[in-house]
Amino acid sequence: MADASDAAVRAVVHGHVQGVGFRWATARRAAELGLACEAQNLPDGTVLVTARGAASAVDALVAWLRSDRTPGRVTGVDARPV
């Protein structure tokens, strides 16, 4: 049974996020937070990020995605729990 503090998120990241190392940086940040994560480019120019792990770490990753510390230029993040 999963720990009650486990969480998962599906986030679509908008902006200039392809061809700038965004997926690599996202995977690295997720690993630092102890999350299982996958990031993939979508045909519309967005990046789909899925992550699972401790709820506080998932929240920290979403905050990072919305910050100005990511490669490229993020204009929006649609994050939903899964």
PDB file of N, CA and C in Angstrom:
ATOM      1  N   MET A   1       0.843  -1.182   0.000  1.00  0.00           N
ATOM      2  CA  MET A   1       0.000   0.000   0.000  1.00  0.00           C
ATOM      3  C   MET A   1       0.887   1.244   0.000  1.00  0.00           C
ATOM      4  N   ALA A   2       0.511   2.278  -0.753  1.00  0.00           N
ATOM      5  CA  ALA A   2       1.293   3.507  -0.834  1.00  0.00           C
ATOM      6  C   ALA A   2       1.193   4.291   0.458  1.00  0.00           C
ATOM      7  N   ASP A   3       2.269   4.960   0.773  1.00  0.00           N
ATOM      8  CA  ASP A   3       2.312   5.829   1.946  1.00  0.00           C
ATOM      9  C   ASP A   3       1.312   6.965   1.747  1.00  0.00           C
ATOM     10  N   ALA A   4       0.654   7.380   2.817  1.00  0.00           N
ATOM     11  CA  ALA A   4      -0.346   8.453   2.732  1.00  0.00           C
ATOM     12  C   ALA A   4       0.269   9.757   2.244  1.00  0.00           C
ATOM     13  N   SER A   5       1.593   9.911   2.392  1.00  0.00           N
ATOM     14  CA  SER A   5       2.237  11.145   1.963  1.00  0.00           C
ATOM     15  C   SER A   5       2.669  11.089   0.502  1.00  0.00           C
ATOM     16  N   ASP A   6       2.448   9.949  -0.177  1.00  0.00           N
ATOM     17  CA  ASP A   6       2.793   9.848  -1.586  1.00  0.00           C
ATOM     18  C   ASP A   6       1.826  10.668  -2.425  1.00  0.00           C
ATOM     19  N   ALA A   7       2.347  11.223  -3.512  1.00  0.00           N
ATOM     20  CA  ALA A   7       1.533  12.030  -4.413  1.00  0.00           C
ATOM     21  C   ALA A   7       2.065  11.856  -5.825  1.00  0.00           C
ATOM     22  N   ALA A   8       1.249  12.229  -6.790  1.00  0.00           N
ATOM     23  CA  ALA A   8       1.662  12.219  -8.188  1.00  0.00           C
ATOM     24  C   ALA A   8       1.054  13.428  -8.873  1.00  0.00           C
ATOM     25  N   VAL A   9       1.763  13.926  -9.879  1.00  0.00           N
ATOM     26  CA  VAL A   9       1.297  15.099 -10.605  1.00  0.00           C
ATOM     27  C   VAL A   9       1.535  14.889 -12.094  1.00  0.00           C
ATOM     28  N   ARG A  10       0.664  15.493 -12.874  1.00  0.00           N
ATOM     29  CA  ARG A  10       0.810  15.571 -14.326  1.00  0.00           C
ATOM     30  C   ARG A  10       0.785  17.059 -14.640  1.00  0.00           C
ATOM     31  N   ALA A  11       1.881  17.569 -15.193  1.00  0.00           N
ATOM     32  CA  ALA A  11       1.985  19.002 -15.462  1.00  0.00           C
ATOM     33  C   ALA A  11       2.331  19.233 -16.925  1.00  0.00           C
ATOM     34  N   VAL A  12       1.600  20.129 -17.557  1.00  0.00           N
ATOM     35  CA  VAL A  12       1.914  20.559 -18.913  1.00  0.00           C
ATOM     36  C   VAL A  12       2.533  21.947 -18.793  1.00  0.00           C
ATOM     37  N   VAL A  13       3.765  22.065 -19.296  1.00  0.00           N
ATOM     38  CA  VAL A  13       4.525  23.304 -19.163  1.00  0.00           C
ATOM     39  C   VAL A  13       4.522  24.019 -20.509  1.00  0.00           C
ATOM     40  N   HIS A  14       4.093  25.272 -20.495  1.00  0.00           N
ATOM     41  CA  HIS A  14       3.982  26.095 -21.697  1.00  0.00           C
ATOM     42  C   HIS A  14       5.113  27.114 -21.740  1.00  0.00           C
ATOM     43  N   GLY A  15       5.433  27.566 -22.941  1.00  0.00           N
ATOM     44  CA  GLY A  15       6.450  28.592 -23.129  1.00  0.00           C
ATOM     45  C   GLY A  15       7.528  28.091 -24.081  1.00  0.00           C
ATOM     46  N   HIS A  16       8.703  28.706 -23.990  1.00  0.00           N
ATOM     47  CA  HIS A  16       9.857  28.261 -24.785  1.00  0.00           C
ATOM     48  C   HIS A  16      10.588  27.218 -23.953  1.00  0.00           C
ATOM     49  N   VAL A  17      10.132  25.957 -24.059  1.00  0.00           N
ATOM     50  CA  VAL A  17      10.630  24.893 -23.186  1.00  0.00           C
ATOM     51  C   VAL A  17      11.159  23.686 -23.960  1.00  0.00           C
ATOM     52  N   GLN A  18      11.212  23.769 -25.269  1.00  0.00           N
ATOM     53  CA  GLN A  18      11.795  22.681 -26.057  1.00  0.00           C
ATOM     54  C   GLN A  18      13.084  23.165 -26.699  1.00  0.00           C
ATOM     55  N   GLY A  19      14.086  22.278 -26.732  1.00  0.00           N
ATOM     56  CA  GLY A  19      15.370  22.616 -27.339  1.00  0.00           C
ATOM     57  C   GLY A  19      16.259  23.473 -26.458  1.00  0.00           C
ATOM     58  N   VAL A  20      15.957  23.533 -25.159  1.00  0.00           N
ATOM     59  CA  VAL A  20      16.731  24.384 -24.243  1.00  0.00           C
ATOM     60  C   VAL A  20      17.236  23.615 -23.022  1.00  0.00           C
ATOM     61  N   GLY A  21      17.133  22.287 -23.033  1.00  0.00           N
ATOM     62  CA  GLY A  21      17.566  21.480 -21.892  1.00  0.00           C
ATOM     63  C   GLY A  21      16.553  21.396 -20.772  1.00  0.00           C
ATOM     64  N   PHE A  22      15.317  21.756 -21.059  1.00  0.00           N
ATOM     65  CA  PHE A  22      14.286  21.780 -20.023  1.00  0.00           C
ATOM     66  C   PHE A  22      13.994  20.391 -19.469  1.00  0.00           C
ATOM     67  N   ARG A  23      13.849  19.404 -20.345  1.00  0.00           N
ATOM     68  CA  ARG A  23      13.544  18.043 -19.876  1.00  0.00           C
ATOM     69  C   ARG A  23      14.683  17.495 -19.027  1.00  0.00           C
ATOM     70  N   TRP A  24      15.910  17.703 -19.459  1.00  0.00           N
ATOM     71  CA  TRP A  24      17.074  17.231 -18.709  1.00  0.00           C
ATOM     72  C   TRP A  24      17.120  17.885 -17.329  1.00  0.00           C
ATOM     73  N   ALA A  25      16.943  19.202 -17.281  1.00  0.00           N
ATOM     74  CA  ALA A  25      16.980  19.920 -16.000  1.00  0.00           C
ATOM     75  C   ALA A  25      15.841  19.477 -15.088  1.00  0.00           C
ATOM     76  N   THR A  26      14.677  19.211 -15.671  1.00  0.00           N
ATOM     77  CA  THR A  26      13.536  18.748 -14.877  1.00  0.00           C
ATOM     78  C   THR A  26      13.816  17.377 -14.278  1.00  0.00           C
ATOM     79  N   ALA A  27      14.362  16.475 -15.078  1.00  0.00           N
ATOM     80  CA  ALA A  27      14.698  15.138 -14.572  1.00  0.00           C
ATOM     81  C   ALA A  27      15.742  15.231 -13.462  1.00  0.00           C
ATOM     82  N   ARG A  28      16.730  16.103 -13.636  1.00  0.00           N
ATOM     83  CA  ARG A  28      17.766  16.277 -12.613  1.00  0.00           C
ATOM     84  C   ARG A  28      17.179  16.834 -11.321  1.00  0.00           C
ATOM     85  N   ARG A  29      16.332  17.848 -11.417  1.00  0.00           N
ATOM     86  CA  ARG A  29      15.714  18.434 -10.220  1.00  0.00           C
ATOM     87  C   ARG A  29      14.829  17.405  -9.521  1.00  0.00           C
ATOM     88  N   ALA A  30      14.070  16.639 -10.286  1.00  0.00           N
ATOM     89  CA  ALA A  30      13.218  15.602  -9.698  1.00  0.00           C
ATOM     90  C   ALA A  30      14.064  14.565  -8.962  1.00  0.00           C
ATOM     91  N   ALA A  31      15.185  14.164  -9.544  1.00  0.00           N
ATOM     92  CA  ALA A  31      16.070  13.192  -8.890  1.00  0.00           C
ATOM     93  C   ALA A  31      16.617  13.762  -7.587  1.00  0.00           C
ATOM     94  N   GLU A  32      16.978  15.039  -7.593  1.00  0.00           N
ATOM     95  CA  GLU A  32      17.457  15.692  -6.362  1.00  0.00           C
ATOM     96  C   GLU A  32      16.395  15.642  -5.271  1.00  0.00           C
ATOM     97  N   LEU A  33      15.135  15.709  -5.673  1.00  0.00           N
ATOM     98  CA  LEU A  33      14.016  15.686  -4.727  1.00  0.00           C
ATOM     99  C   LEU A  33      13.571  14.267  -4.380  1.00  0.00           C
ATOM    100  N   GLY A  34      14.188  13.266  -5.012  1.00  0.00           N
ATOM    101  CA  GLY A  34      13.838  11.879  -4.736  1.00  0.00           C
ATOM    102  C   GLY A  34      12.577  11.407  -5.431  1.00  0.00           C
ATOM    103  N   LEU A  35      12.234  12.037  -6.545  1.00  0.00           N
ATOM    104  CA  LEU A  35      11.009  11.701  -7.269  1.00  0.00           C
ATOM    105  C   LEU A  35      11.283  10.796  -8.460  1.00  0.00           C
ATOM    106  N   ALA A  36      10.314   9.966  -8.794  1.00  0.00           N
ATOM    107  CA  ALA A  36      10.296   9.277 -10.080  1.00  0.00           C
ATOM    108  C   ALA A  36       9.648  10.257 -11.052  1.00  0.00           C
ATOM    109  N   CYS A  37      10.307  10.524 -12.178  1.00  0.00           N
ATOM    110  CA  CYS A  37       9.820  11.587 -13.060  1.00  0.00           C
ATOM    111  C   CYS A  37      10.099  11.240 -14.513  1.00  0.00           C
ATOM    112  N   GLU A  38       9.213  11.714 -15.366  1.00  0.00           N
ATOM    113  CA  GLU A  38       9.390  11.600 -16.803  1.00  0.00           C
ATOM    114  C   GLU A  38       8.965  12.928 -17.417  1.00  0.00           C
ATOM    115  N   ALA A  39       9.735  13.400 -18.385  1.00  0.00           N
ATOM    116  CA  ALA A  39       9.389  14.639 -19.087  1.00  0.00           C
ATOM    117  C   ALA A  39       9.487  14.369 -20.579  1.00  0.00           C
ATOM    118  N   GLN A  40       8.457  14.762 -21.313  1.00  0.00           N
ATOM    119  CA  GLN A  40       8.475  14.513 -22.755  1.00  0.00           C
ATOM    120  C   GLN A  40       7.950  15.712 -23.527  1.00  0.00           C
ATOM    121  N   ASN A  41       8.587  15.954 -24.685  1.00  0.00           N
ATOM    122  CA  ASN A  41       8.131  17.002 -25.575  1.00  0.00           C
ATOM    123  C   ASN A  41       6.826  16.574 -26.226  1.00  0.00           C
ATOM    124  N   LEU A  42       5.893  17.508 -26.332  1.00  0.00           N
ATOM    125  CA  LEU A  42       4.635  17.270 -27.032  1.00  0.00           C
ATOM    126  C   LEU A  42       4.650  18.031 -28.358  1.00  0.00           C
ATOM    127  N   PRO A  43       3.885  17.567 -29.352  1.00  0.00           N
ATOM    128  CA  PRO A  43       3.896  18.193 -30.670  1.00  0.00           C
ATOM    129  C   PRO A  43       3.518  19.676 -30.668  1.00  0.00           C
ATOM    130  N   ASP A  44       2.768  20.127 -29.679  1.00  0.00           N
ATOM    131  CA  ASP A  44       2.331  21.530 -29.655  1.00  0.00           C
ATOM    132  C   ASP A  44       3.368  22.469 -29.044  1.00  0.00           C
ATOM    133  N   GLY A  45       4.565  21.960 -28.717  1.00  0.00           N
ATOM    134  CA  GLY A  45       5.626  22.804 -28.171  1.00  0.00           C
ATOM    135  C   GLY A  45       5.688  22.829 -26.662  1.00  0.00           C
ATOM    136  N   THR A  46       4.757  22.165 -25.998  1.00  0.00           N
ATOM    137  CA  THR A  46       4.777  22.091 -24.537  1.00  0.00           C
ATOM    138  C   THR A  46       5.594  20.881 -24.097  1.00  0.00           C
ATOM    139  N   VAL A  47       5.824  20.786 -22.791  1.00  0.00           N
ATOM    140  CA  VAL A  47       6.483  19.620 -22.204  1.00  0.00           C
ATOM    141  C   VAL A  47       5.544  19.032 -21.163  1.00  0.00           C
ATOM    142  N   LEU A  48       5.338  17.716 -21.236  1.00  0.00           N
ATOM    143  CA  LEU A  48       4.529  16.998 -20.262  1.00  0.00           C
ATOM    144  C   LEU A  48       5.461  16.411 -19.213  1.00  0.00           C
ATOM    145  N   VAL A  49       5.209  16.755 -17.950  1.00  0.00           N
ATOM    146  CA  VAL A  49       5.998  16.242 -16.831  1.00  0.00           C
ATOM    147  C   VAL A  49       5.079  15.408 -15.954  1.00  0.00           C
ATOM    148  N   THR A  50       5.478  14.177 -15.679  1.00  0.00           N
ATOM    149  CA  THR A  50       4.768  13.350 -14.710  1.00  0.00           C
ATOM    150  C   THR A  50       5.765  12.991 -13.622  1.00  0.00           C
ATOM    151  N   ALA A  51       5.331  13.108 -12.372  1.00  0.00           N
ATOM    152  CA  ALA A  51       6.224  12.835 -11.246  1.00  0.00           C
ATOM    153  C   ALA A  51       5.447  12.192 -10.116  1.00  0.00           C
ATOM    154  N   ARG A  52       6.149  11.339  -9.360  1.00  0.00           N
ATOM    155  CA  ARG A  52       5.531  10.637  -8.231  1.00  0.00           C
ATOM    156  C   ARG A  52       6.552  10.527  -7.111  1.00  0.00           C
ATOM    157  N   GLY A  53       6.048  10.707  -5.873  1.00  0.00           N
ATOM    158  CA  GLY A  53       6.897  10.561  -4.695  1.00  0.00           C
ATOM    159  C   GLY A  53       6.265  11.256  -3.511  1.00  0.00           C
ATOM    160  N   ALA A  54       7.092  11.670  -2.578  1.00  0.00           N
ATOM    161  CA  ALA A  54       6.601  12.358  -1.387  1.00  0.00           C
ATOM    162  C   ALA A  54       5.858  13.631  -1.795  1.00  0.00           C
ATOM    163  N   ALA A  55       4.730  13.874  -1.150  1.00  0.00           N
ATOM    164  CA  ALA A  55       3.896  15.031  -1.498  1.00  0.00           C
ATOM    165  C   ALA A  55       4.678  16.336  -1.430  1.00  0.00           C
ATOM    166  N   SER A  56       5.509  16.498  -0.418  1.00  0.00           N
ATOM    167  CA  SER A  56       6.276  17.745  -0.294  1.00  0.00           C
ATOM    168  C   SER A  56       7.261  17.899  -1.446  1.00  0.00           C
ATOM    169  N   ALA A  57       7.832  16.792  -1.914  1.00  0.00           N
ATOM    170  CA  ALA A  57       8.765  16.844  -3.038  1.00  0.00           C
ATOM    171  C   ALA A  57       8.032  17.144  -4.338  1.00  0.00           C
ATOM    172  N   VAL A  58       6.849  16.568  -4.518  1.00  0.00           N
ATOM    173  CA  VAL A  58       6.042  16.866  -5.701  1.00  0.00           C
ATOM    174  C   VAL A  58       5.688  18.350  -5.718  1.00  0.00           C
ATOM    175  N   ASP A  59       5.282  18.883  -4.586  1.00  0.00           N
ATOM    176  CA  ASP A  59       4.972  20.316  -4.494  1.00  0.00           C
ATOM    177  C   ASP A  59       6.195  21.161  -4.825  1.00  0.00           C
ATOM    178  N   ALA A  60       7.360  20.743  -4.343  1.00  0.00           N
ATOM    179  CA  ALA A  60       8.600  21.484  -4.610  1.00  0.00           C
ATOM    180  C   ALA A  60       8.939  21.458  -6.096  1.00  0.00           C
ATOM    181  N   LEU A  61       8.709  20.327  -6.766  1.00  0.00           N
ATOM    182  CA  LEU A  61       8.979  20.257  -8.201  1.00  0.00           C
ATOM    183  C   LEU A  61       8.046  21.185  -8.969  1.00  0.00           C
ATOM    184  N   VAL A  62       6.769  21.186  -8.631  1.00  0.00           N
ATOM    185  CA  VAL A  62       5.819  22.072  -9.315  1.00  0.00           C
ATOM    186  C   VAL A  62       6.209  23.535  -9.088  1.00  0.00           C
ATOM    187  N   ALA A  63       6.611  23.881  -7.882  1.00  0.00           N
ATOM    188  CA  ALA A  63       7.063  25.252  -7.604  1.00  0.00           C
ATOM    189  C   ALA A  63       8.278  25.587  -8.460  1.00  0.00           C
ATOM    190  N   TRP A  64       9.197  24.637  -8.603  1.00  0.00           N
ATOM    191  CA  TRP A  64      10.383  24.850  -9.430  1.00  0.00           C
ATOM    192  C   TRP A  64       9.981  25.045 -10.890  1.00  0.00           C
ATOM    193  N   LEU A  65       9.037  24.230 -11.391  1.00  0.00           N
ATOM    194  CA  LEU A  65       8.578  24.380 -12.772  1.00  0.00           C
ATOM    195  C   LEU A  65       8.019  25.776 -13.012  1.00  0.00           C
ATOM    196  N   ARG A  66       7.387  26.350 -12.007  1.00  0.00           N
ATOM    197  CA  ARG A  66       6.771  27.681 -12.132  1.00  0.00           C
ATOM    198  C   ARG A  66       7.756  28.816 -11.867  1.00  0.00           C
ATOM    199  N   SER A  67       8.963  28.488 -11.460  1.00  0.00           N
ATOM    200  CA  SER A  67       9.940  29.513 -11.089  1.00  0.00           C
ATOM    201  C   SER A  67      10.705  30.019 -12.312  1.00  0.00           C
ATOM    202  N   ASP A  68      11.567  31.000 -12.082  1.00  0.00           N
ATOM    203  CA  ASP A  68      12.428  31.506 -13.151  1.00  0.00           C
ATOM    204  C   ASP A  68      13.783  30.795 -13.159  1.00  0.00           C
ATOM    205  N   ARG A  69      13.899  29.671 -12.461  1.00  0.00           N
ATOM    206  CA  ARG A  69      15.163  28.931 -12.393  1.00  0.00           C
ATOM    207  C   ARG A  69      15.252  27.809 -13.429  1.00  0.00           C
ATOM    208  N   THR A  70      14.237  27.654 -14.267  1.00  0.00           N
ATOM    209  CA  THR A  70      14.242  26.601 -15.285  1.00  0.00           C
ATOM    210  C   THR A  70      14.897  27.111 -16.565  1.00  0.00           C
ATOM    211  N   PRO A  71      15.424  26.192 -17.379  1.00  0.00           N
ATOM    212  CA  PRO A  71      15.916  26.614 -18.696  1.00  0.00           C
ATOM    213  C   PRO A  71      14.748  27.097 -19.558  1.00  0.00           C
ATOM    214  N   GLY A  72      15.040  27.952 -20.503  1.00  0.00           N
ATOM    215  CA  GLY A  72      13.994  28.462 -21.382  1.00  0.00           C
ATOM    216  C   GLY A  72      13.167  29.527 -20.692  1.00  0.00           C
ATOM    217  N   ARG A  73      11.916  29.634 -21.125  1.00  0.00           N
ATOM    218  CA  ARG A  73      11.010  30.637 -20.558  1.00  0.00           C
ATOM    219  C   ARG A  73       9.641  30.002 -20.385  1.00  0.00           C
ATOM    220  N   VAL A  74       9.261  29.778 -19.154  1.00  0.00           N
ATOM    221  CA  VAL A  74       7.966  29.177 -18.842  1.00  0.00           C
ATOM    222  C   VAL A  74       6.921  30.282 -18.760  1.00  0.00           C
ATOM    223  N   THR A  75       5.823  30.102 -19.506  1.00  0.00           N
ATOM    224  CA  THR A  75       4.735  31.081 -19.457  1.00  0.00           C
ATOM    225  C   THR A  75       3.526  30.555 -18.701  1.00  0.00           C
ATOM    226  N   GLY A  76       3.511  29.257 -18.414  1.00  0.00           N
ATOM    227  CA  GLY A  76       2.404  28.685 -17.662  1.00  0.00           C
ATOM    228  C   GLY A  76       2.638  27.220 -17.361  1.00  0.00           C
ATOM    229  N   VAL A  77       2.063  26.772 -16.253  1.00  0.00           N
ATOM    230  CA  VAL A  77       2.136  25.362 -15.862  1.00  0.00           C
ATOM    231  C   VAL A  77       0.740  24.923 -15.440  1.00  0.00           C
ATOM    232  N   ASP A  78       0.194  23.957 -16.161  1.00  0.00           N
ATOM    233  CA  ASP A  78      -1.090  23.359 -15.794  1.00  0.00           C
ATOM    234  C   ASP A  78      -0.785  22.059 -15.061  1.00  0.00           C
ATOM    235  N   ALA A  79      -0.831  22.084 -13.733  1.00  0.00           N
ATOM    236  CA  ALA A  79      -0.487  20.915 -12.921  1.00  0.00           C
ATOM    237  C   ALA A  79      -1.737  20.351 -12.272  1.00  0.00           C
ATOM    238  N   ARG A  80      -1.893  19.031 -12.377  1.00  0.00           N
ATOM    239  CA  ARG A  80      -3.049  18.346 -11.786  1.00  0.00           C
ATOM    240  C   ARG A  80      -2.586  17.074 -11.099  1.00  0.00           C
ATOM    241  N   PRO A  81      -3.137  16.801  -9.926  1.00  0.00           N
ATOM    242  CA  PRO A  81      -2.796  15.538  -9.263  1.00  0.00           C
ATOM    243  C   PRO A  81      -3.345  14.353 -10.056  1.00  0.00           C
ATOM    244  N   VAL A  82      -2.638  13.246  -9.994  1.00  0.00           N
ATOM    245  CA  VAL A  82      -3.111  12.014 -10.653  1.00  0.00           C
ATOM    246  C   VAL A  82      -3.119  10.878  -9.655  1.00  0.00           C
TER     247      VAL A  82
END
